[in-house]
Protein backbone atom coordinates (compact mmCIF):
# COMPACT_ATOMS: atom_id res chain seq x y z
CA UNK A 1 23.63 8.72 14.77
CA UNK A 2 20.00 9.96 15.01
CA UNK A 3 17.45 7.76 16.67
CA UNK A 4 13.94 6.98 15.28
CA UNK A 5 10.98 5.17 16.89
CA UNK A 6 8.60 3.52 14.19
CA UNK A 7 5.26 2.50 15.56
CA UNK A 8 2.77 0.14 13.79
CA UNK A 9 0.17 -1.33 16.17
CA UNK A 10 -2.70 -1.17 13.77
CA UNK A 11 -2.68 -2.30 10.19
CA UNK A 12 0.03 -1.78 7.54
CA UNK A 13 2.63 -4.43 8.23
CA UNK A 14 3.74 -4.22 4.47
CA UNK A 15 4.67 -0.48 4.93
CA UNK A 16 6.56 -1.24 8.09
CA UNK A 17 8.44 -3.97 6.18
CA UNK A 18 9.19 -1.56 3.45
CA UNK A 19 10.62 0.99 5.93
CA UNK A 20 12.69 -1.69 7.62
CA UNK A 21 14.17 -2.90 4.25
CA UNK A 22 15.04 0.67 2.84
CA UNK A 23 16.61 2.02 5.99
CA UNK A 24 18.70 -1.06 6.71
CA UNK A 25 22.30 -0.42 6.41
CA UNK A 26 21.89 3.31 6.99
CA UNK A 27 24.85 5.00 8.61
CA UNK A 28 22.76 8.07 9.52
CA UNK A 29 19.89 6.46 11.46
CA UNK A 30 19.14 3.75 14.05
CA UNK A 31 15.47 2.57 14.28
CA UNK A 32 13.54 0.91 17.09
CA UNK A 33 10.38 -0.78 15.95
CA UNK A 34 7.27 -0.99 18.15
CA UNK A 35 4.86 -3.61 16.58
CA UNK A 36 1.66 -5.25 17.79
CA UNK A 37 1.77 -8.93 17.86
CA UNK A 38 -0.28 -9.26 14.65
CA UNK A 39 2.27 -6.85 12.83
CA UNK A 40 5.28 -8.54 14.29
CA UNK A 41 4.06 -11.89 13.13
CA UNK A 42 3.86 -10.57 9.51
CA UNK A 43 7.16 -8.93 9.13
CA UNK A 44 10.52 -10.48 8.41
CA UNK A 45 13.15 -9.36 10.97
CA UNK A 46 16.78 -9.17 10.08
CA UNK A 47 18.62 -7.99 13.20
CA UNK A 48 16.46 -4.89 13.71
CA UNK A 49 15.44 -3.76 17.24
CA UNK A 50 11.93 -4.90 17.36
CA UNK A 51 9.62 -4.56 20.50
CA UNK A 52 6.23 -6.06 21.09
CA UNK A 53 3.91 -3.28 21.91
CA UNK A 54 0.16 -2.26 22.02
CA UNK A 55 -1.82 0.88 22.88
CA UNK A 56 -1.52 0.20 26.63
CA UNK A 57 2.41 -0.09 26.52
CA UNK A 58 3.74 2.26 23.83
CA UNK A 59 3.67 5.51 25.99
CA UNK A 60 5.77 3.94 28.70
CA UNK A 61 8.06 2.31 26.21
CA UNK A 62 8.85 5.67 24.40
CA UNK A 63 9.81 7.22 27.77
CA UNK A 64 12.64 4.74 28.18
CA UNK A 65 14.72 6.17 25.37
CA UNK A 66 15.33 9.59 23.70
CA UNK A 67 14.20 9.75 20.00
CA UNK A 68 14.84 12.52 17.57
CA UNK A 69 11.73 11.35 15.55
CA UNK A 70 8.67 9.16 16.06
CA UNK A 71 7.05 7.87 12.97
CA UNK A 72 3.42 6.50 13.29
CA UNK A 73 2.58 4.02 10.46
CA UNK A 74 -1.22 4.10 10.92
CA UNK A 75 -3.72 6.17 12.79
CA UNK A 76 -7.00 4.39 12.23
CA UNK A 77 -7.63 3.69 15.88
CA UNK A 78 -6.11 4.26 19.31
CA UNK A 79 -6.63 7.98 18.78
CA UNK A 80 -6.21 8.98 22.46
CA UNK A 81 -2.87 7.25 22.65
CA UNK A 82 -1.64 8.71 19.39
CA UNK A 83 -2.74 12.22 20.37
CA UNK A 84 -0.57 12.02 23.45
CA UNK A 85 2.38 10.89 21.42
CA UNK A 86 2.11 13.76 18.78
CA UNK A 87 1.80 16.28 21.51
CA UNK A 88 4.83 15.13 23.45
CA UNK A 89 7.16 14.07 20.58
CA UNK A 90 8.56 15.21 17.22
CA UNK A 91 6.15 12.94 15.39
CA UNK A 92 5.22 12.22 11.87
CA UNK A 93 2.17 10.28 10.81
CA UNK A 94 1.85 8.35 7.49
CA UNK A 95 -1.71 9.20 6.11
CA UNK A 96 -3.54 6.82 3.97
CA UNK A 97 -6.95 8.50 3.52
CA UNK A 98 -6.70 12.28 3.12
CA UNK A 99 -10.43 12.91 3.36
CA UNK A 100 -10.68 10.96 6.60
CA UNK A 101 -8.08 13.20 8.27
CA UNK A 102 -10.12 16.18 7.45
CA UNK A 103 -13.42 14.94 8.58
CA UNK A 104 -15.10 16.89 11.34
CA UNK A 105 -15.99 15.35 14.72
CA UNK A 106 -19.64 15.68 13.71
CA UNK A 107 -19.05 13.66 10.55
CA UNK A 108 -17.08 11.06 12.46
CA UNK A 109 -19.81 10.56 14.94
CA UNK A 110 -22.56 10.37 12.34
CA UNK A 111 -20.56 7.67 10.50
CA UNK A 112 -20.58 5.45 13.54
CA UNK A 113 -24.20 4.38 12.78
CA UNK A 114 -23.80 3.64 9.06
CA UNK A 115 -22.00 0.27 9.37
CA UNK A 116 -19.78 -1.87 11.70
CA UNK A 117 -21.70 -0.14 14.52
CA UNK A 118 -20.26 -2.12 17.39
CA UNK A 119 -16.65 -1.65 16.23
CA UNK A 120 -17.16 1.93 15.63
CA UNK A 121 -18.90 2.55 18.88
CA UNK A 122 -15.74 0.96 20.51
CA UNK A 123 -13.52 3.48 18.60
CA UNK A 124 -15.71 6.29 19.88
CA UNK A 125 -16.22 5.26 23.52
CA UNK A 126 -12.84 3.61 24.28
CA UNK A 127 -10.31 4.80 21.76
CA UNK A 128 -11.17 8.53 21.28
CA UNK A 129 -12.44 8.59 17.82
CA UNK A 130 -13.41 12.34 17.93
CA UNK A 131 -9.65 13.02 18.69
CA UNK A 132 -8.68 11.83 15.31
CA UNK A 133 -8.66 15.31 13.59
CA UNK A 134 -6.50 16.64 16.46
CA UNK A 135 -3.92 13.80 15.94
CA UNK A 136 -3.30 14.85 12.39
CA UNK A 137 -3.36 18.60 13.27
CA UNK A 138 -0.82 18.18 16.06
CA UNK A 139 1.62 15.93 14.16
CA UNK A 140 4.74 17.80 13.05
CA UNK A 141 4.67 16.13 9.64
CA UNK A 142 1.98 14.38 7.68
CA UNK A 143 3.50 11.84 5.24
CA UNK A 144 2.20 10.34 1.94
CA UNK A 145 3.76 7.31 -0.04
CA UNK A 146 2.50 8.50 -3.38
CA UNK A 147 4.45 11.55 -4.70
CA UNK A 148 1.23 12.46 -6.67
CA UNK A 149 -0.54 13.23 -3.34
CA UNK A 150 2.09 15.74 -2.24
CA UNK A 151 0.50 19.14 -1.74
CA UNK A 152 0.68 21.79 0.90
CA UNK A 153 1.14 20.17 4.28
CA UNK A 154 1.96 16.62 3.06
CA UNK A 155 5.53 15.37 2.75
CA UNK A 156 6.45 12.48 0.31
CA UNK A 157 8.19 9.50 2.27
CA UNK A 158 10.17 7.48 -0.36
CA UNK A 159 10.03 3.86 0.72
CA UNK A 160 9.54 1.79 -2.52
CA UNK A 161 12.63 0.51 -4.24
CA UNK A 162 13.17 -1.94 -7.12
CA UNK A 163 14.52 -5.33 -6.02
CA UNK A 164 17.19 -7.09 -8.08
CA UNK A 165 16.27 -10.49 -9.39
CA UNK A 166 16.44 -12.62 -12.65
CA UNK A 167 13.38 -12.35 -14.84
CA UNK A 168 11.92 -15.84 -15.60
CA UNK A 169 11.22 -16.60 -19.16
CA UNK A 170 7.48 -17.25 -19.80
CA UNK A 171 6.03 -19.41 -22.48
CA UNK A 172 2.90 -17.30 -22.55
CA UNK A 173 2.44 -13.49 -21.96
CA UNK A 174 1.86 -13.37 -18.23
CA UNK A 175 -0.49 -10.60 -16.97
CA UNK A 176 -0.74 -10.33 -13.27
CA UNK A 177 -3.54 -8.52 -11.44
CA UNK A 178 -2.13 -8.00 -7.83
CA UNK A 179 -4.49 -7.44 -4.88
CA UNK A 180 -7.36 -9.21 -3.24
CA UNK A 181 -10.11 -10.12 -5.80
CA UNK A 182 -12.92 -7.95 -4.80
CA UNK A 183 -15.09 -5.59 -6.84
CA UNK A 184 -14.94 -3.03 -4.00
CA UNK A 185 -11.53 -1.58 -4.92
CA UNK A 186 -10.83 -2.79 -8.39
CA UNK A 187 -13.12 -3.30 -11.39
CA UNK A 188 -12.78 -7.03 -11.72
CA UNK A 189 -16.04 -7.25 -13.80
CA UNK A 190 -14.19 -5.13 -16.42
CA UNK A 191 -11.40 -7.70 -16.51
CA UNK A 192 -13.74 -10.78 -16.61
CA UNK A 193 -15.61 -9.25 -19.65
CA UNK A 194 -12.43 -8.25 -21.42
CA UNK A 195 -10.94 -11.85 -21.08
CA UNK A 196 -14.27 -13.31 -22.09
CA UNK A 197 -14.80 -11.23 -25.14
CA UNK A 198 -11.26 -10.95 -26.50
CA UNK A 199 -9.91 -13.10 -29.34
CA UNK A 200 -6.39 -13.89 -28.58
CA UNK A 201 -4.04 -15.36 -31.16
CA UNK A 202 -1.09 -15.56 -28.77
CA UNK A 203 -0.93 -17.46 -25.49
CA UNK A 204 -1.86 -15.56 -22.45
CA UNK A 205 -1.89 -16.38 -18.75
CA UNK A 206 -3.72 -14.13 -16.28
CA UNK A 207 -2.82 -14.42 -12.58
CA UNK A 208 -5.37 -13.07 -10.19
CA UNK A 209 -2.85 -12.63 -7.35
CA UNK A 210 -5.03 -12.29 -4.30
CA UNK A 211 -7.51 -14.20 -2.37
CA UNK A 212 -10.76 -14.76 -4.20
CA UNK A 213 -14.13 -15.41 -2.58
CA UNK A 214 -17.85 -14.72 -2.86
CA UNK A 215 -19.27 -13.68 -6.23
CA UNK A 216 -15.88 -13.01 -7.74
CA UNK A 217 -14.88 -16.62 -7.10
CA UNK A 218 -18.08 -17.87 -8.71
CA UNK A 219 -17.42 -15.69 -11.77
CA UNK A 220 -13.79 -16.86 -12.06
CA UNK A 221 -14.75 -20.50 -11.83
CA UNK A 222 -17.33 -19.93 -14.55
CA UNK A 223 -14.98 -17.99 -16.74
CA UNK A 224 -12.22 -20.66 -16.43
CA UNK A 225 -14.66 -23.13 -18.03
CA UNK A 226 -15.42 -21.12 -21.15
CA UNK A 227 -11.96 -20.10 -22.36
CA UNK A 228 -10.04 -21.13 -25.51
CA UNK A 229 -6.85 -23.12 -25.38
CA UNK A 230 -4.69 -19.86 -25.72
CA UNK A 231 -5.94 -18.52 -22.46
CA UNK A 232 -5.06 -19.72 -19.09
CA UNK A 233 -6.15 -18.11 -15.80
CA UNK A 234 -4.99 -18.84 -12.27
CA UNK A 235 -6.64 -17.78 -9.01
CA UNK A 236 -6.52 -18.45 -5.34
CA UNK A 237 -9.33 -19.32 -2.89
CA UNK A 238 -6.95 -18.86 0.15
CA UNK A 239 -4.73 -15.95 1.28
CA UNK A 240 -1.61 -15.82 -0.99
CA UNK A 241 1.67 -16.26 0.90
CA UNK A 242 4.43 -13.63 0.65
CA UNK A 243 6.62 -16.09 -1.07
CA UNK A 244 4.07 -17.05 -3.65
CA UNK A 245 3.18 -13.37 -4.22
CA UNK A 246 6.75 -12.56 -4.86
CA UNK A 247 7.29 -15.43 -7.25
CA UNK A 248 4.34 -14.48 -9.47
CA UNK A 249 5.13 -10.78 -9.42
CA UNK A 250 8.73 -11.63 -10.62
CA UNK A 251 7.23 -13.65 -13.42
CA UNK A 252 4.87 -10.92 -14.56
CA UNK A 253 5.38 -9.33 -18.08
CA UNK A 254 2.96 -6.58 -17.25
CA UNK A 255 0.64 -5.67 -14.36
CA UNK A 256 -3.04 -4.97 -14.87
CA UNK A 257 -4.45 -2.68 -12.19
CA UNK A 258 -8.10 -1.82 -12.75
CA UNK A 259 -8.29 0.54 -9.74
CA UNK A 260 -11.75 1.79 -8.95
CA UNK A 261 -11.95 5.59 -9.04
CA UNK A 262 -13.68 5.85 -5.71
CA UNK A 263 -13.76 4.04 -2.53
CA UNK A 264 -14.71 4.81 1.10
CA UNK A 265 -12.88 4.70 4.49
CA UNK A 266 -14.96 5.08 7.58
CA UNK A 267 -17.93 6.20 5.28
CA UNK A 268 -15.76 9.10 3.92
CA UNK A 269 -15.38 9.15 0.18
CA UNK A 270 -11.80 8.65 -0.97
CA UNK A 271 -10.54 8.96 -4.60
CA UNK A 272 -7.62 6.91 -5.75
CA UNK A 273 -4.75 8.94 -7.03
CA UNK A 274 -6.24 12.13 -5.42
CA UNK A 275 -6.97 11.44 -1.77
CA UNK A 276 -5.71 7.79 -1.38
CA UNK A 277 -2.74 5.72 -2.75
CA UNK A 278 -3.18 2.33 -4.31
CA UNK A 279 -0.64 -0.24 -3.27
CA UNK A 280 -0.27 -1.25 -6.97
CA UNK A 281 2.14 1.65 -7.38
CA UNK A 282 4.44 0.18 -4.91
CA UNK A 283 3.92 -3.25 -6.48
CA UNK A 284 5.11 -1.86 -9.82
CA UNK A 285 8.15 -0.12 -8.31
CA UNK A 286 9.23 -3.10 -6.16
CA UNK A 287 9.15 -5.65 -8.96
CA UNK A 288 10.15 -3.23 -11.82
CA UNK A 289 7.01 -3.81 -13.89
CA UNK A 290 5.06 -1.61 -16.31
CA UNK A 291 1.49 -1.30 -14.91
CA UNK A 292 -1.76 -0.69 -16.88
CA UNK A 293 -4.16 1.57 -14.99
CA UNK A 294 -7.54 3.01 -16.07
CA UNK A 295 -7.30 5.82 -18.47
CA UNK A 296 -8.76 8.37 -15.93
CA UNK A 297 -6.33 7.51 -13.15
CA UNK A 298 -4.23 10.56 -12.41
CA UNK A 299 -0.56 9.81 -12.50
CA UNK A 300 2.52 11.37 -14.11
CA UNK A 301 4.73 8.38 -13.35
CA UNK A 302 6.30 7.02 -16.58
CA UNK A 303 5.63 3.37 -15.69
CA UNK A 304 1.83 3.75 -15.13
CA UNK A 305 0.32 3.30 -18.48
CA UNK A 306 -3.26 4.47 -19.19
CA UNK A 307 -5.43 1.58 -20.49
CA UNK A 308 -6.37 1.69 -24.14
CA UNK A 309 -9.57 0.36 -25.77
CA UNK A 310 -7.84 -2.73 -27.03
CA UNK A 311 -5.97 -3.51 -23.86
CA UNK A 312 -5.04 -7.04 -25.15
CA UNK A 313 -3.03 -5.57 -28.02
CA UNK A 314 -1.61 -3.09 -25.71
CA UNK A 315 -0.28 -5.89 -23.48
CA UNK A 316 1.47 -7.37 -26.46
CA UNK A 317 3.15 -4.11 -27.22
CA UNK A 318 4.14 -3.46 -23.48
CA UNK A 319 5.56 -6.91 -23.20
CA UNK A 320 8.44 -5.84 -25.48
CA UNK A 321 9.04 -2.50 -23.71
CA UNK A 322 11.13 -1.77 -20.69
CA UNK A 323 11.57 1.06 -18.18
CA UNK A 324 14.99 1.43 -16.36
CA UNK A 325 13.66 1.24 -12.77
CA UNK A 326 17.12 0.93 -11.34
CA UNK A 327 18.15 4.31 -12.44
CA UNK A 328 15.45 6.02 -10.41
CA UNK A 329 14.43 3.38 -7.81
CA UNK A 330 17.57 1.51 -6.82
CA UNK A 331 17.87 0.83 -3.07
CA UNK A 332 20.81 3.18 -2.69
CA UNK A 333 19.05 5.99 -4.59
CA UNK A 334 15.78 5.66 -2.53
CA UNK A 335 17.66 5.27 0.86
CA UNK A 336 19.49 8.49 0.15
CA UNK A 337 16.23 10.21 -0.64
CA UNK A 338 14.70 8.89 2.50
CA UNK A 339 17.51 9.94 4.71
CA UNK A 340 17.12 13.55 3.42
CA UNK A 341 13.46 13.54 4.27
CA UNK A 342 14.09 12.16 7.71
CA UNK A 343 16.70 14.84 8.33
CA UNK A 344 14.35 17.57 7.30
CA UNK A 345 11.79 16.41 9.88
CA UNK A 346 14.37 16.51 12.60
CA UNK A 347 15.36 20.04 11.68
CA UNK A 348 11.94 21.38 12.92
């Protein structure tokens, strides 16, 4: 049995959770997980080998065992530490912002003074920010979680599978908008205007499934006071628990994902579907839902549906359509694909 170390001491607990779930029960691989306290507190453990770690401990911890592959879940800080790891081990890095990893040292230094100055100075002075490009260059494999981003040096890491559950029956067509309610990454103004200006003969429930604050909270409060009796909206002013998120995602008839075309990471422009993945794709696969995306969003996935001018009518039509997620995204199918990818990285 091959041995893997999975490291997440930075950000993406949900991806670490996904890896834990899909590899569980594999007869090919055994995995040790090295998590920071913040990550460890956010994942559900089910008999896995999980070790508390941080940037000061991880190098010594890796020396205690022999690993065939080291997977680093996020490299957005601790660049000096991760550079050492990719130089010493057969290491793969999950990449989340493809323009960031290509940024020159000069661009990274100039970005320090644009925003979050004290935090970015810390990354430069103490955590080796200028080493970031080298980490990605020295890694044996660069992994992406969206098959649409695979090109050249990137390898697709299949993690998302469709969970089995009983679909609840809804009295109203239930449209779920998953993600934090912020105009920064999704066009919520478009959603507000569409709901406000649409005449709906059928009953609709719109669920804004993420924490709402600031201007978006004010707009939702105002919107909720001006709707007719056929429309109901629900939103959350506090962080949505994992249990509540899952419950509402299961109830959804259709997902509505108004992803912004462009965003930024560390002052580097990123383009959704081109240089950056949206987690809404994982949401759609995990819960087996058709998802309406902006018409310009580049995707060949059959369950990602381009938004039409009359999106309300489109929702009614999609509510009666189904895609067989289990055929392509059952846990067994995805696990086998993942195992093949892991084997290929160990053959280097």
